[in-house]
Amino acid sequence: MTLHYKWLTQTVATAAQIHPGDLPAIAAHGFKTLINNRPDGEGGPNQPTSKELEEAAREHGIAYVYLPVVPMRYTREQVEAMAQHLKTAATPVLAFCRSGARTEQLFHFTQQLG
């Protein structure tokens, strides 16, 4: 299984939907924290749940954060929470959503905070 991700900084990357079977590759790439920005159930029954992803992440020694964001409905609280997670998380961080675009936009909003 090939892992595709995009670096936004030297310590933060984004990716499309992650599955529990991706965690060995994520760990092998050295990621220390996984941030899930996709609400449970958004993709139907084929989307893994946050709980499944958290369990798989922990099995591979990766910290897990669930911060669901609905596309185009970002709140200041979500942006601030993402910024705080990025400040305190073990790095490198891999954050994801359905395609990676929502997470990338959320990241850019964190950079605009005062």
N, C-alpha and C. Protein backbone atom coordinates (compact mmCIF):
# COMPACT_ATOMS: atom_id res chain seq x y z
N MET A 1 0.85 -1.18 0.00
CA MET A 1 0.00 0.00 0.00
C MET A 1 0.89 1.24 0.00
N THR A 2 0.66 2.14 -0.93
CA THR A 2 1.47 3.34 -1.05
C THR A 2 0.81 4.48 -0.29
N LEU A 3 1.59 5.17 0.49
CA LEU A 3 1.11 6.31 1.26
C LEU A 3 1.44 7.59 0.49
N HIS A 4 0.41 8.39 0.21
CA HIS A 4 0.60 9.66 -0.49
C HIS A 4 0.27 10.79 0.47
N TYR A 5 1.17 11.73 0.60
CA TYR A 5 0.92 12.89 1.44
C TYR A 5 1.64 14.10 0.88
N LYS A 6 1.25 15.27 1.37
CA LYS A 6 1.80 16.54 0.89
C LYS A 6 2.32 17.31 2.10
N TRP A 7 3.58 17.69 2.06
CA TRP A 7 4.17 18.48 3.14
C TRP A 7 3.70 19.92 3.03
N LEU A 8 3.21 20.48 4.15
CA LEU A 8 2.85 21.89 4.23
C LEU A 8 3.96 22.70 4.90
N THR A 9 4.64 22.05 5.83
CA THR A 9 5.82 22.61 6.50
C THR A 9 6.79 21.45 6.67
N GLN A 10 7.88 21.70 7.36
CA GLN A 10 8.83 20.61 7.61
C GLN A 10 8.29 19.58 8.59
N THR A 11 7.21 19.94 9.31
CA THR A 11 6.69 19.03 10.34
C THR A 11 5.22 18.67 10.18
N VAL A 12 4.54 19.23 9.18
CA VAL A 12 3.10 18.97 9.00
C VAL A 12 2.83 18.57 7.56
N ALA A 13 2.13 17.45 7.41
CA ALA A 13 1.74 16.96 6.08
C ALA A 13 0.24 16.67 6.09
N THR A 14 -0.36 16.67 4.89
CA THR A 14 -1.77 16.32 4.75
C THR A 14 -1.91 15.13 3.81
N ALA A 15 -3.03 14.45 3.97
CA ALA A 15 -3.30 13.28 3.14
C ALA A 15 -4.81 13.13 2.96
N ALA A 16 -5.18 12.29 2.02
CA ALA A 16 -6.58 11.91 1.84
C ALA A 16 -6.92 10.86 2.90
N GLN A 17 -8.13 10.34 2.86
CA GLN A 17 -8.62 9.38 3.84
C GLN A 17 -7.59 8.31 4.19
N ILE A 18 -7.38 8.14 5.47
CA ILE A 18 -6.48 7.12 6.00
C ILE A 18 -7.33 5.93 6.45
N HIS A 19 -6.81 4.74 6.28
CA HIS A 19 -7.46 3.52 6.74
C HIS A 19 -6.55 2.83 7.75
N PRO A 20 -7.11 2.01 8.64
CA PRO A 20 -6.27 1.33 9.62
C PRO A 20 -5.08 0.60 9.00
N GLY A 21 -5.26 0.03 7.83
CA GLY A 21 -4.17 -0.67 7.16
C GLY A 21 -3.04 0.22 6.70
N ASP A 22 -3.26 1.54 6.72
CA ASP A 22 -2.21 2.50 6.33
C ASP A 22 -1.25 2.79 7.48
N LEU A 23 -1.63 2.44 8.70
CA LEU A 23 -0.82 2.83 9.85
C LEU A 23 0.59 2.26 9.86
N PRO A 24 0.84 1.04 9.40
CA PRO A 24 2.23 0.59 9.34
C PRO A 24 3.10 1.49 8.46
N ALA A 25 2.57 1.91 7.31
CA ALA A 25 3.33 2.80 6.42
C ALA A 25 3.49 4.18 7.05
N ILE A 26 2.46 4.67 7.71
CA ILE A 26 2.54 5.97 8.37
C ILE A 26 3.63 5.94 9.44
N ALA A 27 3.65 4.87 10.22
CA ALA A 27 4.70 4.73 11.24
C ALA A 27 6.07 4.61 10.59
N ALA A 28 6.16 3.85 9.51
CA ALA A 28 7.45 3.67 8.83
C ALA A 28 7.97 4.98 8.25
N HIS A 29 7.07 5.89 7.90
CA HIS A 29 7.47 7.20 7.39
C HIS A 29 7.84 8.14 8.53
N GLY A 30 7.69 7.69 9.76
CA GLY A 30 8.15 8.47 10.91
C GLY A 30 7.13 9.41 11.52
N PHE A 31 5.89 9.37 11.08
CA PHE A 31 4.89 10.27 11.66
C PHE A 31 4.63 9.90 13.11
N LYS A 32 4.49 10.92 13.95
CA LYS A 32 4.28 10.72 15.39
C LYS A 32 2.86 11.03 15.84
N THR A 33 2.15 11.85 15.05
CA THR A 33 0.78 12.24 15.39
C THR A 33 -0.09 12.17 14.14
N LEU A 34 -1.31 11.66 14.31
CA LEU A 34 -2.30 11.59 13.24
C LEU A 34 -3.50 12.42 13.66
N ILE A 35 -3.88 13.41 12.83
CA ILE A 35 -5.04 14.25 13.12
C ILE A 35 -6.12 13.95 12.08
N ASN A 36 -7.28 13.54 12.56
CA ASN A 36 -8.41 13.19 11.71
C ASN A 36 -9.40 14.36 11.68
N ASN A 37 -9.54 15.00 10.52
CA ASN A 37 -10.47 16.12 10.36
C ASN A 37 -11.77 15.71 9.67
N ARG A 38 -12.00 14.42 9.53
CA ARG A 38 -13.20 13.95 8.82
C ARG A 38 -14.23 13.43 9.82
N PRO A 39 -15.46 13.98 9.80
CA PRO A 39 -16.49 13.49 10.71
C PRO A 39 -16.82 12.02 10.46
N ASP A 40 -17.03 11.27 11.52
CA ASP A 40 -17.45 9.88 11.39
C ASP A 40 -18.72 9.80 10.55
N GLY A 41 -18.79 8.82 9.66
CA GLY A 41 -19.98 8.57 8.87
C GLY A 41 -20.12 9.42 7.62
N GLU A 42 -19.25 10.41 7.45
CA GLU A 42 -19.36 11.29 6.29
C GLU A 42 -19.25 10.53 4.97
N GLY A 43 -18.42 9.51 4.96
CA GLY A 43 -18.19 8.75 3.73
C GLY A 43 -18.98 7.46 3.63
N GLY A 44 -19.94 7.27 4.53
CA GLY A 44 -20.73 6.06 4.49
C GLY A 44 -20.04 4.89 5.18
N PRO A 45 -20.53 3.68 4.94
CA PRO A 45 -20.04 2.52 5.67
C PRO A 45 -18.60 2.11 5.34
N ASN A 46 -18.06 2.58 4.24
CA ASN A 46 -16.68 2.21 3.88
C ASN A 46 -15.63 3.08 4.57
N GLN A 47 -16.07 4.15 5.22
CA GLN A 47 -15.14 5.02 5.94
C GLN A 47 -14.87 4.44 7.32
N PRO A 48 -13.59 4.27 7.69
CA PRO A 48 -13.30 3.77 9.03
C PRO A 48 -13.73 4.79 10.08
N THR A 49 -14.12 4.30 11.24
CA THR A 49 -14.52 5.20 12.32
C THR A 49 -13.29 5.78 13.00
N SER A 50 -13.53 6.85 13.71
CA SER A 50 -12.45 7.47 14.47
C SER A 50 -11.87 6.47 15.48
N LYS A 51 -12.74 5.70 16.11
CA LYS A 51 -12.28 4.72 17.10
C LYS A 51 -11.36 3.68 16.46
N GLU A 52 -11.73 3.20 15.28
CA GLU A 52 -10.88 2.22 14.58
C GLU A 52 -9.51 2.81 14.25
N LEU A 53 -9.52 4.06 13.79
CA LEU A 53 -8.26 4.71 13.44
C LEU A 53 -7.41 4.98 14.68
N GLU A 54 -8.07 5.39 15.76
CA GLU A 54 -7.34 5.65 17.01
C GLU A 54 -6.67 4.37 17.51
N GLU A 55 -7.39 3.27 17.49
CA GLU A 55 -6.82 2.00 17.95
C GLU A 55 -5.63 1.59 17.10
N ALA A 56 -5.76 1.72 15.78
CA ALA A 56 -4.66 1.37 14.88
C ALA A 56 -3.46 2.28 15.09
N ALA A 57 -3.73 3.57 15.28
CA ALA A 57 -2.63 4.52 15.51
C ALA A 57 -1.88 4.16 16.79
N ARG A 58 -2.60 3.93 17.85
CA ARG A 58 -1.96 3.62 19.14
C ARG A 58 -1.17 2.31 19.07
N GLU A 59 -1.66 1.34 18.31
CA GLU A 59 -0.92 0.09 18.13
C GLU A 59 0.45 0.32 17.50
N HIS A 60 0.57 1.42 16.76
CA HIS A 60 1.84 1.73 16.08
C HIS A 60 2.58 2.88 16.75
N GLY A 61 2.18 3.23 17.98
CA GLY A 61 2.88 4.26 18.73
C GLY A 61 2.67 5.67 18.21
N ILE A 62 1.55 5.89 17.55
CA ILE A 62 1.25 7.20 16.98
C ILE A 62 0.12 7.84 17.78
N ALA A 63 0.33 9.09 18.21
CA ALA A 63 -0.72 9.82 18.91
C ALA A 63 -1.85 10.11 17.92
N TYR A 64 -3.07 10.18 18.44
CA TYR A 64 -4.24 10.37 17.58
C TYR A 64 -5.10 11.50 18.10
N VAL A 65 -5.55 12.36 17.18
CA VAL A 65 -6.44 13.47 17.52
C VAL A 65 -7.64 13.42 16.57
N TYR A 66 -8.83 13.51 17.13
CA TYR A 66 -10.05 13.56 16.32
C TYR A 66 -10.60 14.97 16.41
N LEU A 67 -10.51 15.72 15.32
CA LEU A 67 -11.01 17.08 15.24
C LEU A 67 -11.83 17.20 13.95
N PRO A 68 -13.09 16.70 13.99
CA PRO A 68 -13.90 16.68 12.77
C PRO A 68 -14.32 18.08 12.34
N VAL A 69 -14.25 18.31 11.04
CA VAL A 69 -14.62 19.60 10.45
C VAL A 69 -15.49 19.33 9.22
N VAL A 70 -16.65 19.97 9.17
CA VAL A 70 -17.52 19.86 8.01
C VAL A 70 -16.97 20.79 6.92
N PRO A 71 -16.90 20.32 5.68
CA PRO A 71 -16.35 21.16 4.61
C PRO A 71 -17.05 22.52 4.52
N MET A 72 -16.24 23.55 4.40
CA MET A 72 -16.70 24.93 4.23
C MET A 72 -17.48 25.47 5.43
N ARG A 73 -17.38 24.81 6.56
CA ARG A 73 -18.05 25.28 7.78
C ARG A 73 -17.06 25.36 8.93
N TYR A 74 -15.92 25.93 8.68
CA TYR A 74 -14.89 26.05 9.70
C TYR A 74 -15.34 27.05 10.75
N THR A 75 -15.13 26.72 12.01
CA THR A 75 -15.41 27.68 13.08
C THR A 75 -14.09 28.16 13.65
N ARG A 76 -14.13 29.31 14.30
CA ARG A 76 -12.92 29.83 14.93
C ARG A 76 -12.40 28.83 15.98
N GLU A 77 -13.32 28.20 16.70
CA GLU A 77 -12.93 27.23 17.72
C GLU A 77 -12.17 26.06 17.10
N GLN A 78 -12.62 25.59 15.94
CA GLN A 78 -11.92 24.49 15.27
C GLN A 78 -10.55 24.92 14.79
N VAL A 79 -10.46 26.13 14.25
CA VAL A 79 -9.17 26.64 13.79
C VAL A 79 -8.22 26.78 14.97
N GLU A 80 -8.71 27.32 16.08
CA GLU A 80 -7.87 27.47 17.27
C GLU A 80 -7.46 26.12 17.83
N ALA A 81 -8.38 25.16 17.83
CA ALA A 81 -8.05 23.81 18.32
C ALA A 81 -6.98 23.17 17.44
N MET A 82 -7.13 23.31 16.13
CA MET A 82 -6.12 22.75 15.22
C MET A 82 -4.77 23.41 15.46
N ALA A 83 -4.76 24.73 15.62
CA ALA A 83 -3.51 25.44 15.88
C ALA A 83 -2.86 24.93 17.15
N GLN A 84 -3.65 24.72 18.19
CA GLN A 84 -3.11 24.23 19.46
C GLN A 84 -2.56 22.82 19.31
N HIS A 85 -3.27 21.97 18.61
CA HIS A 85 -2.77 20.61 18.39
C HIS A 85 -1.45 20.64 17.62
N LEU A 86 -1.36 21.50 16.62
CA LEU A 86 -0.13 21.57 15.83
C LEU A 86 1.04 22.11 16.65
N LYS A 87 0.75 22.96 17.64
CA LYS A 87 1.81 23.50 18.50
C LYS A 87 2.32 22.46 19.49
N THR A 88 1.43 21.59 19.95
CA THR A 88 1.79 20.68 21.04
C THR A 88 2.02 19.24 20.61
N ALA A 89 1.66 18.90 19.41
CA ALA A 89 1.75 17.50 18.95
C ALA A 89 3.19 17.08 18.73
N ALA A 90 3.43 15.80 18.97
CA ALA A 90 4.72 15.21 18.57
C ALA A 90 4.79 15.26 17.05
N THR A 91 5.94 15.62 16.54
CA THR A 91 6.09 15.76 15.09
C THR A 91 7.01 14.70 14.53
N PRO A 92 6.84 14.45 13.24
CA PRO A 92 5.94 15.09 12.30
C PRO A 92 4.49 14.65 12.46
N VAL A 93 3.60 15.54 11.98
CA VAL A 93 2.16 15.34 12.06
C VAL A 93 1.62 15.03 10.67
N LEU A 94 0.73 14.05 10.60
CA LEU A 94 -0.02 13.78 9.37
C LEU A 94 -1.49 14.04 9.69
N ALA A 95 -2.08 15.03 9.00
CA ALA A 95 -3.49 15.36 9.19
C ALA A 95 -4.24 15.01 7.91
N PHE A 96 -5.48 14.55 8.07
CA PHE A 96 -6.20 14.11 6.87
C PHE A 96 -7.69 14.39 6.95
N CYS A 97 -8.32 14.34 5.77
CA CYS A 97 -9.77 14.39 5.61
C CYS A 97 -10.08 13.52 4.39
N ARG A 98 -11.17 13.77 3.70
CA ARG A 98 -11.52 12.93 2.56
C ARG A 98 -10.48 13.01 1.46
N SER A 99 -10.12 14.24 1.07
CA SER A 99 -9.16 14.41 -0.03
C SER A 99 -7.86 15.07 0.39
N GLY A 100 -7.83 15.65 1.58
CA GLY A 100 -6.69 16.42 2.05
C GLY A 100 -6.89 17.92 1.90
N ALA A 101 -7.82 18.33 1.04
CA ALA A 101 -8.02 19.75 0.77
C ALA A 101 -8.59 20.50 1.97
N ARG A 102 -9.57 19.93 2.64
CA ARG A 102 -10.18 20.56 3.81
C ARG A 102 -9.15 20.76 4.91
N THR A 103 -8.34 19.73 5.13
CA THR A 103 -7.30 19.82 6.14
C THR A 103 -6.27 20.88 5.77
N GLU A 104 -5.91 20.93 4.50
CA GLU A 104 -4.95 21.95 4.07
C GLU A 104 -5.52 23.35 4.28
N GLN A 105 -6.79 23.55 3.97
CA GLN A 105 -7.41 24.85 4.17
C GLN A 105 -7.46 25.19 5.66
N LEU A 106 -7.81 24.21 6.49
CA LEU A 106 -7.82 24.42 7.93
C LEU A 106 -6.44 24.82 8.42
N PHE A 107 -5.40 24.16 7.93
CA PHE A 107 -4.03 24.51 8.29
C PHE A 107 -3.74 25.97 7.93
N HIS A 108 -4.11 26.39 6.73
CA HIS A 108 -3.85 27.77 6.31
C HIS A 108 -4.59 28.76 7.20
N PHE A 109 -5.79 28.42 7.66
CA PHE A 109 -6.50 29.29 8.60
C PHE A 109 -5.73 29.41 9.91
N THR A 110 -5.10 28.33 10.35
CA THR A 110 -4.33 28.40 11.61
C THR A 110 -3.17 29.38 11.47
N GLN A 111 -2.64 29.50 10.28
CA GLN A 111 -1.51 30.40 10.06
C GLN A 111 -1.93 31.87 10.08
N GLN A 112 -3.22 32.13 9.96
CA GLN A 112 -3.73 33.51 9.95
C GLN A 112 -4.13 34.00 11.34
N LEU A 113 -4.07 33.12 12.33
CA LEU A 113 -4.43 33.53 13.69
C LEU A 113 -3.39 34.52 14.22
N GLY A 114 -3.86 35.47 15.01
CA GLY A 114 -2.97 36.48 15.57
C GLY A 114 -2.19 35.94 16.68
